[in-house]
Amino acid sequence: MRLIKYKGFQVPPSELEDLLLQHPSVADAAVTSIYSDEQATELPIAYVTLTAQYSSASQAQKQKALDEIRAWSDSQVAGYKKIRGGVWELQNLPKTPSGKILRKDLPCRRQEEKPARL
């Protein structure tokens, strides 16, 4: 697993994933990074699958839940571990047959592009 390097600090994605999985609205989570030219560093970015209660929710309700998840997670960690890249929804996270998250297949690896809200 590759550590996220935020302004000289090392942030383990698995630590943030474990934290996100403790939130009651999160069914599954994956954390990786996106490079920010403005800040000249990597920013942690999270992808979550929301629980079944959000399956028929409107986009506004889902966005409110994602914002709540980000605020909650940022309040639980040190300043350099905050999810500055945002929390985004994916219906299904890319995984191997054994269940390991395929971080290389997450949409955030594109340089200079903001991830699409799926």
PDB file of N, CA and C in Angstrom:
ATOM      1  N   MET A   1       0.840  -1.175   0.000  1.00  0.00           N
ATOM      2  CA  MET A   1       0.000   0.000   0.000  1.00  0.00           C
ATOM      3  C   MET A   1       0.891   1.246   0.000  1.00  0.00           C
ATOM      4  N   ARG A   2       0.517   2.223  -0.792  1.00  0.00           N
ATOM      5  CA  ARG A   2       1.267   3.454  -0.921  1.00  0.00           C
ATOM      6  C   ARG A   2       0.704   4.507   0.032  1.00  0.00           C
ATOM      7  N   LEU A   3       1.595   5.151   0.772  1.00  0.00           N
ATOM      8  CA  LEU A   3       1.177   6.209   1.681  1.00  0.00           C
ATOM      9  C   LEU A   3       0.906   7.492   0.896  1.00  0.00           C
ATOM     10  N   ILE A   4      -0.003   8.284   1.391  1.00  0.00           N
ATOM     11  CA  ILE A   4      -0.283   9.597   0.817  1.00  0.00           C
ATOM     12  C   ILE A   4       0.676  10.571   1.492  1.00  0.00           C
ATOM     13  N   LYS A   5       1.346  11.378   0.702  1.00  0.00           N
ATOM     14  CA  LYS A   5       2.293  12.339   1.260  1.00  0.00           C
ATOM     15  C   LYS A   5       1.699  13.739   1.166  1.00  0.00           C
ATOM     16  N   TYR A   6       1.217  14.228   2.306  1.00  0.00           N
ATOM     17  CA  TYR A   6       0.616  15.554   2.374  1.00  0.00           C
ATOM     18  C   TYR A   6       1.563  16.501   3.103  1.00  0.00           C
ATOM     19  N   LYS A   7       2.153  17.417   2.369  1.00  0.00           N
ATOM     20  CA  LYS A   7       3.061  18.438   2.915  1.00  0.00           C
ATOM     21  C   LYS A   7       4.098  17.851   3.868  1.00  0.00           C
ATOM     22  N   GLY A   8       4.722  16.762   3.468  1.00  0.00           N
ATOM     23  CA  GLY A   8       5.767  16.144   4.274  1.00  0.00           C
ATOM     24  C   GLY A   8       5.277  15.123   5.283  1.00  0.00           C
ATOM     25  N   PHE A   9       3.982  15.067   5.525  1.00  0.00           N
ATOM     26  CA  PHE A   9       3.408  14.076   6.437  1.00  0.00           C
ATOM     27  C   PHE A   9       2.987  12.845   5.647  1.00  0.00           C
ATOM     28  N   GLN A  10       3.062  11.695   6.277  1.00  0.00           N
ATOM     29  CA  GLN A  10       2.615  10.459   5.641  1.00  0.00           C
ATOM     30  C   GLN A  10       1.256  10.071   6.213  1.00  0.00           C
ATOM     31  N   VAL A  11       0.312   9.858   5.305  1.00  0.00           N
ATOM     32  CA  VAL A  11      -1.047   9.518   5.699  1.00  0.00           C
ATOM     33  C   VAL A  11      -1.389   8.138   5.148  1.00  0.00           C
ATOM     34  N   PRO A  12      -1.613   7.136   6.009  1.00  0.00           N
ATOM     35  CA  PRO A  12      -1.982   5.804   5.516  1.00  0.00           C
ATOM     36  C   PRO A  12      -3.459   5.758   5.104  1.00  0.00           C
ATOM     37  N   PRO A  13      -3.743   5.422   3.844  1.00  0.00           N
ATOM     38  CA  PRO A  13      -5.137   5.361   3.394  1.00  0.00           C
ATOM     39  C   PRO A  13      -5.988   4.404   4.219  1.00  0.00           C
ATOM     40  N   SER A  14      -5.424   3.291   4.648  1.00  0.00           N
ATOM     41  CA  SER A  14      -6.203   2.300   5.399  1.00  0.00           C
ATOM     42  C   SER A  14      -6.710   2.856   6.723  1.00  0.00           C
ATOM     43  N   GLU A  15      -5.956   3.759   7.338  1.00  0.00           N
ATOM     44  CA  GLU A  15      -6.407   4.369   8.593  1.00  0.00           C
ATOM     45  C   GLU A  15      -7.663   5.208   8.360  1.00  0.00           C
ATOM     46  N   LEU A  16      -7.680   5.980   7.274  1.00  0.00           N
ATOM     47  CA  LEU A  16      -8.857   6.791   6.956  1.00  0.00           C
ATOM     48  C   LEU A  16     -10.030   5.912   6.528  1.00  0.00           C
ATOM     49  N   GLU A  17      -9.745   4.829   5.807  1.00  0.00           N
ATOM     50  CA  GLU A  17     -10.811   3.907   5.403  1.00  0.00           C
ATOM     51  C   GLU A  17     -11.469   3.274   6.626  1.00  0.00           C
ATOM     52  N   ASP A  18     -10.661   2.842   7.580  1.00  0.00           N
ATOM     53  CA  ASP A  18     -11.210   2.244   8.797  1.00  0.00           C
ATOM     54  C   ASP A  18     -12.090   3.245   9.544  1.00  0.00           C
ATOM     55  N   LEU A  19     -11.658   4.496   9.589  1.00  0.00           N
ATOM     56  CA  LEU A  19     -12.445   5.531  10.243  1.00  0.00           C
ATOM     57  C   LEU A  19     -13.773   5.753   9.514  1.00  0.00           C
ATOM     58  N   LEU A  20     -13.714   5.862   8.189  1.00  0.00           N
ATOM     59  CA  LEU A  20     -14.938   6.090   7.406  1.00  0.00           C
ATOM     60  C   LEU A  20     -15.943   4.953   7.585  1.00  0.00           C
ATOM     61  N   LEU A  21     -15.455   3.730   7.702  1.00  0.00           N
ATOM     62  CA  LEU A  21     -16.343   2.578   7.863  1.00  0.00           C
ATOM     63  C   LEU A  21     -17.079   2.598   9.201  1.00  0.00           C
ATOM     64  N   GLN A  22     -16.624   3.412  10.140  1.00  0.00           N
ATOM     65  CA  GLN A  22     -17.303   3.533  11.436  1.00  0.00           C
ATOM     66  C   GLN A  22     -18.523   4.449  11.361  1.00  0.00           C
ATOM     67  N   HIS A  23     -18.617   5.244  10.289  1.00  0.00           N
ATOM     68  CA  HIS A  23     -19.765   6.156  10.148  1.00  0.00           C
ATOM     69  C   HIS A  23     -21.001   5.348   9.764  1.00  0.00           C
ATOM     70  N   PRO A  24     -22.150   5.619  10.365  1.00  0.00           N
ATOM     71  CA  PRO A  24     -23.346   4.814  10.094  1.00  0.00           C
ATOM     72  C   PRO A  24     -23.891   4.915   8.665  1.00  0.00           C
ATOM     73  N   SER A  25     -23.525   5.931   7.910  1.00  0.00           N
ATOM     74  CA  SER A  25     -24.024   6.079   6.531  1.00  0.00           C
ATOM     75  C   SER A  25     -23.122   5.428   5.492  1.00  0.00           C
ATOM     76  N   VAL A  26     -21.984   4.890   5.912  1.00  0.00           N
ATOM     77  CA  VAL A  26     -20.996   4.344   4.978  1.00  0.00           C
ATOM     78  C   VAL A  26     -21.034   2.823   4.981  1.00  0.00           C
ATOM     79  N   ALA A  27     -21.264   2.243   3.802  1.00  0.00           N
ATOM     80  CA  ALA A  27     -21.251   0.791   3.658  1.00  0.00           C
ATOM     81  C   ALA A  27     -19.853   0.293   3.266  1.00  0.00           C
ATOM     82  N   ASP A  28     -19.138   1.067   2.461  1.00  0.00           N
ATOM     83  CA  ASP A  28     -17.795   0.695   2.013  1.00  0.00           C
ATOM     84  C   ASP A  28     -17.024   1.968   1.727  1.00  0.00           C
ATOM     85  N   ALA A  29     -15.690   1.914   1.851  1.00  0.00           N
ATOM     86  CA  ALA A  29     -14.883   3.113   1.658  1.00  0.00           C
ATOM     87  C   ALA A  29     -13.527   2.786   1.060  1.00  0.00           C
ATOM     88  N   ALA A  30     -13.006   3.719   0.271  1.00  0.00           N
ATOM     89  CA  ALA A  30     -11.667   3.625  -0.292  1.00  0.00           C
ATOM     90  C   ALA A  30     -11.060   5.025  -0.259  1.00  0.00           C
ATOM     91  N   VAL A  31      -9.781   5.106   0.096  1.00  0.00           N
ATOM     92  CA  VAL A  31      -9.095   6.397   0.157  1.00  0.00           C
ATOM     93  C   VAL A  31      -7.831   6.308  -0.684  1.00  0.00           C
ATOM     94  N   THR A  32      -7.605   7.338  -1.467  1.00  0.00           N
ATOM     95  CA  THR A  32      -6.385   7.460  -2.261  1.00  0.00           C
ATOM     96  C   THR A  32      -6.028   8.939  -2.306  1.00  0.00           C
ATOM     97  N   SER A  33      -5.229   9.361  -3.273  1.00  0.00           N
ATOM     98  CA  SER A  33      -4.836  10.766  -3.312  1.00  0.00           C
ATOM     99  C   SER A  33      -4.970  11.346  -4.702  1.00  0.00           C
ATOM    100  N   ILE A  34      -5.028  12.663  -4.739  1.00  0.00           N
ATOM    101  CA  ILE A  34      -5.013  13.400  -5.994  1.00  0.00           C
ATOM    102  C   ILE A  34      -3.997  14.519  -5.805  1.00  0.00           C
ATOM    103  N   TYR A  35      -3.200  14.783  -6.832  1.00  0.00           N
ATOM    104  CA  TYR A  35      -2.160  15.794  -6.712  1.00  0.00           C
ATOM    105  C   TYR A  35      -2.738  17.178  -6.963  1.00  0.00           C
ATOM    106  N   SER A  36      -2.406  18.115  -6.093  1.00  0.00           N
ATOM    107  CA  SER A  36      -2.849  19.499  -6.227  1.00  0.00           C
ATOM    108  C   SER A  36      -1.657  20.367  -6.602  1.00  0.00           C
ATOM    109  N   ASP A  37      -1.681  20.934  -7.807  1.00  0.00           N
ATOM    110  CA  ASP A  37      -0.614  21.839  -8.221  1.00  0.00           C
ATOM    111  C   ASP A  37      -0.630  23.115  -7.389  1.00  0.00           C
ATOM    112  N   GLU A  38      -1.814  23.573  -7.006  1.00  0.00           N
ATOM    113  CA  GLU A  38      -1.938  24.795  -6.219  1.00  0.00           C
ATOM    114  C   GLU A  38      -1.203  24.696  -4.894  1.00  0.00           C
ATOM    115  N   GLN A  39      -1.300  23.528  -4.253  1.00  0.00           N
ATOM    116  CA  GLN A  39      -0.656  23.336  -2.957  1.00  0.00           C
ATOM    117  C   GLN A  39       0.652  22.559  -3.069  1.00  0.00           C
ATOM    118  N   ALA A  40       0.959  22.053  -4.264  1.00  0.00           N
ATOM    119  CA  ALA A  40       2.173  21.275  -4.530  1.00  0.00           C
ATOM    120  C   ALA A  40       2.296  20.088  -3.576  1.00  0.00           C
ATOM    121  N   THR A  41       1.199  19.356  -3.435  1.00  0.00           N
ATOM    122  CA  THR A  41       1.193  18.184  -2.566  1.00  0.00           C
ATOM    123  C   THR A  41       0.043  17.267  -2.954  1.00  0.00           C
ATOM    124  N   GLU A  42       0.029  16.078  -2.372  1.00  0.00           N
ATOM    125  CA  GLU A  42      -1.075  15.157  -2.574  1.00  0.00           C
ATOM    126  C   GLU A  42      -2.163  15.448  -1.546  1.00  0.00           C
ATOM    127  N   LEU A  43      -3.413  15.308  -1.974  1.00  0.00           N
ATOM    128  CA  LEU A  43      -4.551  15.502  -1.073  1.00  0.00           C
ATOM    129  C   LEU A  43      -5.297  14.186  -0.925  1.00  0.00           C
ATOM    130  N   PRO A  44      -5.589  13.761   0.303  1.00  0.00           N
ATOM    131  CA  PRO A  44      -6.403  12.562   0.482  1.00  0.00           C
ATOM    132  C   PRO A  44      -7.801  12.785  -0.093  1.00  0.00           C
ATOM    133  N   ILE A  45      -8.316  11.784  -0.776  1.00  0.00           N
ATOM    134  CA  ILE A  45      -9.652  11.835  -1.371  1.00  0.00           C
ATOM    135  C   ILE A  45     -10.334  10.509  -1.072  1.00  0.00           C
ATOM    136  N   ALA A  46     -11.598  10.565  -0.708  1.00  0.00           N
ATOM    137  CA  ALA A  46     -12.316   9.354  -0.300  1.00  0.00           C
ATOM    138  C   ALA A  46     -13.468   9.057  -1.246  1.00  0.00           C
ATOM    139  N   TYR A  47     -13.676   7.779  -1.471  1.00  0.00           N
ATOM    140  CA  TYR A  47     -14.834   7.278  -2.211  1.00  0.00           C
ATOM    141  C   TYR A  47     -15.593   6.363  -1.274  1.00  0.00           C
ATOM    142  N   VAL A  48     -16.889   6.573  -1.177  1.00  0.00           N
ATOM    143  CA  VAL A  48     -17.705   5.750  -0.290  1.00  0.00           C
ATOM    144  C   VAL A  48     -18.914   5.205  -1.036  1.00  0.00           C
ATOM    145  N   THR A  49     -19.380   4.076  -0.567  1.00  0.00           N
ATOM    146  CA  THR A  49     -20.664   3.538  -0.986  1.00  0.00           C
ATOM    147  C   THR A  49     -21.592   3.772   0.191  1.00  0.00           C
ATOM    148  N   LEU A  50     -22.662   4.501  -0.053  1.00  0.00           N
ATOM    149  CA  LEU A  50     -23.605   4.809   1.021  1.00  0.00           C
ATOM    150  C   LEU A  50     -24.468   3.588   1.343  1.00  0.00           C
ATOM    151  N   THR A  51     -24.999   3.549   2.539  1.00  0.00           N
ATOM    152  CA  THR A  51     -25.836   2.430   2.969  1.00  0.00           C
ATOM    153  C   THR A  51     -27.140   2.404   2.170  1.00  0.00           C
ATOM    154  N   ALA A  52     -27.873   1.319   2.312  1.00  0.00           N
ATOM    155  CA  ALA A  52     -29.099   1.102   1.541  1.00  0.00           C
ATOM    156  C   ALA A  52     -30.157   2.177   1.774  1.00  0.00           C
ATOM    157  N   GLN A  53     -30.145   2.837   2.909  1.00  0.00           N
ATOM    158  CA  GLN A  53     -31.144   3.866   3.175  1.00  0.00           C
ATOM    159  C   GLN A  53     -31.057   5.032   2.191  1.00  0.00           C
ATOM    160  N   TYR A  54     -29.934   5.166   1.480  1.00  0.00           N
ATOM    161  CA  TYR A  54     -29.770   6.245   0.509  1.00  0.00           C
ATOM    162  C   TYR A  54     -30.034   5.797  -0.925  1.00  0.00           C
ATOM    163  N   SER A  55     -30.481   4.570  -1.124  1.00  0.00           N
ATOM    164  CA  SER A  55     -30.689   4.061  -2.487  1.00  0.00           C
ATOM    165  C   SER A  55     -31.753   4.845  -3.248  1.00  0.00           C
ATOM    166  N   SER A  56     -32.772   5.335  -2.558  1.00  0.00           N
ATOM    167  CA  SER A  56     -33.815   6.100  -3.236  1.00  0.00           C
ATOM    168  C   SER A  56     -33.750   7.590  -2.878  1.00  0.00           C
ATOM    169  N   ALA A  57     -32.660   8.014  -2.270  1.00  0.00           N
ATOM    170  CA  ALA A  57     -32.515   9.409  -1.865  1.00  0.00           C
ATOM    171  C   ALA A  57     -32.208  10.298  -3.063  1.00  0.00           C
ATOM    172  N   SER A  58     -32.566  11.553  -2.945  1.00  0.00           N
ATOM    173  CA  SER A  58     -32.264  12.515  -4.015  1.00  0.00           C
ATOM    174  C   SER A  58     -30.772  12.847  -3.992  1.00  0.00           C
ATOM    175  N   GLN A  59     -30.314  13.465  -5.072  1.00  0.00           N
ATOM    176  CA  GLN A  59     -28.902  13.849  -5.149  1.00  0.00           C
ATOM    177  C   GLN A  59     -28.551  14.836  -4.042  1.00  0.00           C
ATOM    178  N   ALA A  60     -29.458  15.736  -3.713  1.00  0.00           N
ATOM    179  CA  ALA A  60     -29.216  16.710  -2.652  1.00  0.00           C
ATOM    180  C   ALA A  60     -29.059  16.023  -1.288  1.00  0.00           C
ATOM    181  N   GLN A  61     -29.895  15.000  -1.038  1.00  0.00           N
ATOM    182  CA  GLN A  61     -29.789  14.255   0.223  1.00  0.00           C
ATOM    183  C   GLN A  61     -28.465  13.497   0.289  1.00  0.00           C
ATOM    184  N   LYS A  62     -28.066  12.907  -0.839  1.00  0.00           N
ATOM    185  CA  LYS A  62     -26.792  12.186  -0.869  1.00  0.00           C
ATOM    186  C   LYS A  62     -25.634  13.146  -0.640  1.00  0.00           C
ATOM    187  N   GLN A  63     -25.678  14.316  -1.277  1.00  0.00           N
ATOM    188  CA  GLN A  63     -24.608  15.296  -1.101  1.00  0.00           C
ATOM    189  C   GLN A  63     -24.533  15.775   0.336  1.00  0.00           C
ATOM    190  N   LYS A  64     -25.677  15.959   0.968  1.00  0.00           N
ATOM    191  CA  LYS A  64     -25.700  16.357   2.382  1.00  0.00           C
ATOM    192  C   LYS A  64     -25.043  15.284   3.245  1.00  0.00           C
ATOM    193  N   ALA A  65     -25.336  14.013   2.939  1.00  0.00           N
ATOM    194  CA  ALA A  65     -24.730  12.902   3.683  1.00  0.00           C
ATOM    195  C   ALA A  65     -23.217  12.871   3.469  1.00  0.00           C
ATOM    196  N   LEU A  66     -22.770  13.092   2.231  1.00  0.00           N
ATOM    197  CA  LEU A  66     -21.331  13.095   1.941  1.00  0.00           C
ATOM    198  C   LEU A  66     -20.626  14.234   2.672  1.00  0.00           C
ATOM    199  N   ASP A  67     -21.248  15.408   2.699  1.00  0.00           N
ATOM    200  CA  ASP A  67     -20.676  16.543   3.425  1.00  0.00           C
ATOM    201  C   ASP A  67     -20.602  16.253   4.916  1.00  0.00           C
ATOM    202  N   GLU A  68     -21.634  15.593   5.441  1.00  0.00           N
ATOM    203  CA  GLU A  68     -21.655  15.227   6.861  1.00  0.00           C
ATOM    204  C   GLU A  68     -20.544  14.211   7.168  1.00  0.00           C
ATOM    205  N   ILE A  69     -20.364  13.254   6.291  1.00  0.00           N
ATOM    206  CA  ILE A  69     -19.315  12.241   6.475  1.00  0.00           C
ATOM    207  C   ILE A  69     -17.943  12.905   6.501  1.00  0.00           C
ATOM    208  N   ARG A  70     -17.725  13.843   5.577  1.00  0.00           N
ATOM    209  CA  ARG A  70     -16.425  14.530   5.535  1.00  0.00           C
ATOM    210  C   ARG A  70     -16.197  15.338   6.811  1.00  0.00           C
ATOM    211  N   ALA A  71     -17.187  16.101   7.236  1.00  0.00           N
ATOM    212  CA  ALA A  71     -17.045  16.906   8.458  1.00  0.00           C
ATOM    213  C   ALA A  71     -16.790  16.009   9.666  1.00  0.00           C
ATOM    214  N   TRP A  72     -17.512  14.911   9.738  1.00  0.00           N
ATOM    215  CA  TRP A  72     -17.343  13.978  10.857  1.00  0.00           C
ATOM    216  C   TRP A  72     -15.936  13.376  10.861  1.00  0.00           C
ATOM    217  N   SER A  73     -15.475  12.911   9.695  1.00  0.00           N
ATOM    218  CA  SER A  73     -14.149  12.288   9.640  1.00  0.00           C
ATOM    219  C   SER A  73     -13.044  13.301   9.918  1.00  0.00           C
ATOM    220  N   ASP A  74     -13.202  14.529   9.403  1.00  0.00           N
ATOM    221  CA  ASP A  74     -12.188  15.556   9.652  1.00  0.00           C
ATOM    222  C   ASP A  74     -12.105  15.924  11.131  1.00  0.00           C
ATOM    223  N   SER A  75     -13.204  15.783  11.858  1.00  0.00           N
ATOM    224  CA  SER A  75     -13.191  16.094  13.284  1.00  0.00           C
ATOM    225  C   SER A  75     -12.534  14.982  14.112  1.00  0.00           C
ATOM    226  N   GLN A  76     -12.315  13.823  13.496  1.00  0.00           N
ATOM    227  CA  GLN A  76     -11.770  12.668  14.214  1.00  0.00           C
ATOM    228  C   GLN A  76     -10.254  12.507  14.053  1.00  0.00           C
ATOM    229  N   VAL A  77      -9.638  13.253  13.131  1.00  0.00           N
ATOM    230  CA  VAL A  77      -8.220  13.023  12.809  1.00  0.00           C
ATOM    231  C   VAL A  77      -7.389  14.290  12.996  1.00  0.00           C
ATOM    232  N   ALA A  78      -6.071  14.103  12.993  1.00  0.00           N
ATOM    233  CA  ALA A  78      -5.144  15.237  13.046  1.00  0.00           C
ATOM    234  C   ALA A  78      -5.299  16.089  11.790  1.00  0.00           C
ATOM    235  N   GLY A  79      -4.898  17.341  11.862  1.00  0.00           N
ATOM    236  CA  GLY A  79      -5.080  18.286  10.770  1.00  0.00           C
ATOM    237  C   GLY A  79      -4.527  17.828   9.437  1.00  0.00           C
ATOM    238  N   TYR A  80      -3.382  17.163   9.433  1.00  0.00           N
ATOM    239  CA  TYR A  80      -2.776  16.742   8.169  1.00  0.00           C
ATOM    240  C   TYR A  80      -3.444  15.508   7.565  1.00  0.00           C
ATOM    241  N   LYS A  81      -4.348  14.865   8.294  1.00  0.00           N
ATOM    242  CA  LYS A  81      -5.032  13.671   7.786  1.00  0.00           C
ATOM    243  C   LYS A  81      -6.433  13.969   7.257  1.00  0.00           C
ATOM    244  N   LYS A  82      -6.831  15.231   7.253  1.00  0.00           N
ATOM    245  CA  LYS A  82      -8.172  15.580   6.786  1.00  0.00           C
ATOM    246  C   LYS A  82      -8.337  15.232   5.310  1.00  0.00           C
ATOM    247  N   ILE A  83      -9.541  14.877   4.944  1.00  0.00           N
ATOM    248  CA  ILE A  83      -9.837  14.455   3.568  1.00  0.00           C
ATOM    249  C   ILE A  83     -10.101  15.703   2.730  1.00  0.00           C
ATOM    250  N   ARG A  84      -9.016  16.375   2.350  1.00  0.00           N
ATOM    251  CA  ARG A  84      -9.106  17.650   1.643  1.00  0.00           C
ATOM    252  C   ARG A  84      -9.571  17.510   0.194  1.00  0.00           C
ATOM    253  N   GLY A  85      -9.445  16.336  -0.379  1.00  0.00           N
ATOM    254  CA  GLY A  85      -9.889  16.117  -1.753  1.00  0.00           C
ATOM    255  C   GLY A  85     -11.383  15.888  -1.857  1.00  0.00           C
ATOM    256  N   GLY A  86     -12.041  15.727  -0.727  1.00  0.00           N
ATOM    257  CA  GLY A  86     -13.479  15.532  -0.709  1.00  0.00           C
ATOM    258  C   GLY A  86     -13.891  14.085  -0.540  1.00  0.00           C
ATOM    259  N   VAL A  87     -15.172  13.898  -0.315  1.00  0.00           N
ATOM    260  CA  VAL A  87     -15.769  12.568  -0.206  1.00  0.00           C
ATOM    261  C   VAL A  87     -16.751  12.441  -1.358  1.00  0.00           C
ATOM    262  N   TRP A  88     -16.590  11.401  -2.144  1.00  0.00           N
ATOM    263  CA  TRP A  88     -17.384  11.184  -3.351  1.00  0.00           C
ATOM    264  C   TRP A  88     -18.081   9.839  -3.271  1.00  0.00           C
ATOM    265  N   GLU A  89     -19.222   9.738  -3.914  1.00  0.00           N
ATOM    266  CA  GLU A  89     -19.972   8.489  -3.888  1.00  0.00           C
ATOM    267  C   GLU A  89     -19.675   7.648  -5.121  1.00  0.00           C
ATOM    268  N   LEU A  90     -19.459   6.363  -4.894  1.00  0.00           N
ATOM    269  CA  LEU A  90     -19.383   5.358  -5.957  1.00  0.00           C
ATOM    270  C   LEU A  90     -20.356   4.246  -5.578  1.00  0.00           C
ATOM    271  N   GLN A  91     -21.119   3.756  -6.543  1.00  0.00           N
ATOM    272  CA  GLN A  91     -22.057   2.667  -6.266  1.00  0.00           C
ATOM    273  C   GLN A  91     -21.328   1.404  -5.817  1.00  0.00           C
ATOM    274  N   ASN A  92     -20.246   1.073  -6.536  1.00  0.00           N
ATOM    275  CA  ASN A  92     -19.443  -0.105  -6.201  1.00  0.00           C
ATOM    276  C   ASN A  92     -17.974   0.264  -6.314  1.00  0.00           C
ATOM    277  N   LEU A  93     -17.215  -0.040  -5.282  1.00  0.00           N
ATOM    278  CA  LEU A  93     -15.780   0.216  -5.322  1.00  0.00           C
ATOM    279  C   LEU A  93     -15.090  -0.907  -6.094  1.00  0.00           C
ATOM    280  N   PRO A  94     -14.092  -0.570  -6.918  1.00  0.00           N
ATOM    281  CA  PRO A  94     -13.381  -1.618  -7.662  1.00  0.00           C
ATOM    282  C   PRO A  94     -12.543  -2.478  -6.710  1.00  0.00           C
ATOM    283  N   LYS A  95     -12.764  -3.793  -6.777  1.00  0.00           N
ATOM    284  CA  LYS A  95     -12.053  -4.714  -5.885  1.00  0.00           C
ATOM    285  C   LYS A  95     -11.618  -5.960  -6.640  1.00  0.00           C
ATOM    286  N   THR A  96     -10.598  -6.619  -6.102  1.00  0.00           N
ATOM    287  CA  THR A  96     -10.163  -7.900  -6.644  1.00  0.00           C
ATOM    288  C   THR A  96     -11.154  -8.963  -6.165  1.00  0.00           C
ATOM    289  N   PRO A  97     -11.104 -10.162  -6.737  1.00  0.00           N
ATOM    290  CA  PRO A  97     -12.000 -11.229  -6.263  1.00  0.00           C
ATOM    291  C   PRO A  97     -11.831 -11.546  -4.772  1.00  0.00           C
ATOM    292  N   SER A  98     -10.628 -11.288  -4.226  1.00  0.00           N
ATOM    293  CA  SER A  98     -10.416 -11.550  -2.805  1.00  0.00           C
ATOM    294  C   SER A  98     -10.866 -10.392  -1.918  1.00  0.00           C
ATOM    295  N   GLY A  99     -11.304  -9.265  -2.522  1.00  0.00           N
ATOM    296  CA  GLY A  99     -11.840  -8.163  -1.753  1.00  0.00           C
ATOM    297  C   GLY A  99     -10.905  -6.987  -1.544  1.00  0.00           C
ATOM    298  N   LYS A 100      -9.694  -7.040  -2.095  1.00  0.00           N
ATOM    299  CA  LYS A 100      -8.749  -5.935  -1.949  1.00  0.00           C
ATOM    300  C   LYS A 100      -9.166  -4.784  -2.868  1.00  0.00           C
ATOM    301  N   ILE A 101      -9.104  -3.565  -2.367  1.00  0.00           N
ATOM    302  CA  ILE A 101      -9.496  -2.390  -3.148  1.00  0.00           C
ATOM    303  C   ILE A 101      -8.463  -2.120  -4.239  1.00  0.00           C
ATOM    304  N   LEU A 102      -8.957  -1.903  -5.457  1.00  0.00           N
ATOM    305  CA  LEU A 102      -8.083  -1.563  -6.582  1.00  0.00           C
ATOM    306  C   LEU A 102      -7.995  -0.041  -6.682  1.00  0.00           C
ATOM    307  N   ARG A 103      -7.074   0.538  -5.924  1.00  0.00           N
ATOM    308  CA  ARG A 103      -6.961   1.993  -5.888  1.00  0.00           C
ATOM    309  C   ARG A 103      -6.606   2.573  -7.250  1.00  0.00           C
ATOM    310  N   LYS A 104      -5.863   1.825  -8.060  1.00  0.00           N
ATOM    311  CA  LYS A 104      -5.481   2.328  -9.381  1.00  0.00           C
ATOM    312  C   LYS A 104      -6.698   2.495 -10.297  1.00  0.00           C
ATOM    313  N   ASP A 105      -7.795   1.829  -9.988  1.00  0.00           N
ATOM    314  CA  ASP A 105      -9.005   1.926 -10.804  1.00  0.00           C
ATOM    315  C   ASP A 105      -9.990   2.985 -10.308  1.00  0.00           C
ATOM    316  N   LEU A 106      -9.653   3.659  -9.216  1.00  0.00           N
ATOM    317  CA  LEU A 106     -10.516   4.735  -8.731  1.00  0.00           C
ATOM    318  C   LEU A 106     -10.369   5.943  -9.651  1.00  0.00           C
ATOM    319  N   PRO A 107     -11.428   6.704  -9.866  1.00  0.00           N
ATOM    320  CA  PRO A 107     -11.405   7.800 -10.839  1.00  0.00           C
ATOM    321  C   PRO A 107     -10.437   8.939 -10.538  1.00  0.00           C
ATOM    322  N   CYS A 108      -9.905   9.063  -9.339  1.00  0.00           N
ATOM    323  CA  CYS A 108      -9.118  10.237  -8.971  1.00  0.00           C
ATOM    324  C   CYS A 108      -7.698  10.228  -9.516  1.00  0.00           C
ATOM    325  N   ARG A 109      -7.249   9.192 -10.126  1.00  0.00           N
ATOM    326  CA  ARG A 109      -5.877   9.132 -10.606  1.00  0.00           C
ATOM    327  C   ARG A 109      -5.614  10.028 -11.812  1.00  0.00           C
ATOM    328  N   ARG A 110      -6.640  10.599 -12.400  1.00  0.00           N
ATOM    329  CA  ARG A 110      -6.464  11.487 -13.546  1.00  0.00           C
ATOM    330  C   ARG A 110      -5.825  12.788 -13.091  1.00  0.00           C
ATOM    331  N   GLN A 111      -4.758  13.192 -13.746  1.00  0.00           N
ATOM    332  CA  GLN A 111      -4.090  14.452 -13.414  1.00  0.00           C
ATOM    333  C   GLN A 111      -4.941  15.629 -13.877  1.00  0.00           C
ATOM    334  N   GLU A 112      -4.984  16.656 -13.066  1.00  0.00           N
ATOM    335  CA  GLU A 112      -5.614  17.923 -13.420  1.00  0.00           C
ATOM    336  C   GLU A 112      -7.113  17.842 -13.653  1.00  0.00           C
ATOM    337  N   GLU A 113      -7.754  16.756 -13.318  1.00  0.00           N
ATOM    338  CA  GLU A 113      -9.207  16.652 -13.487  1.00  0.00           C
ATOM    339  C   GLU A 113      -9.837  16.461 -12.122  1.00  0.00           C
ATOM    340  N   LYS A 114     -10.943  17.108 -11.922  1.00  0.00           N
ATOM    341  CA  LYS A 114     -11.703  16.844 -10.706  1.00  0.00           C
ATOM    342  C   LYS A 114     -12.517  15.585 -10.953  1.00  0.00           C
ATOM    343  N   PRO A 115     -12.634  14.713  -9.954  1.00  0.00           N
ATOM    344  CA  PRO A 115     -13.414  13.492 -10.160  1.00  0.00           C
ATOM    345  C   PRO A 115     -14.887  13.803 -10.374  1.00  0.00           C
ATOM    346  N   ALA A 116     -15.484  13.030 -11.211  1.00  0.00           N
ATOM    347  CA  ALA A 116     -16.916  13.201 -11.474  1.00  0.00           C
ATOM    348  C   ALA A 116     -17.704  12.642 -10.297  1.00  0.00           C
ATOM    349  N   ARG A 117     -18.766  13.282  -9.959  1.00  0.00           N
ATOM    350  CA  ARG A 117     -19.631  12.756  -8.885  1.00  0.00           C
ATOM    351  C   ARG A 117     -20.495  11.680  -9.489  1.00  0.00           C
ATOM    352  N   LEU A 118     -20.262  10.475  -9.061  1.00  0.00           N
ATOM    353  CA  LEU A 118     -20.992   9.338  -9.631  1.00  0.00           C
ATOM    354  C   LEU A 118     -22.139   8.940  -8.740  1.00  0.00           C
TER     355      LEU A 118
END
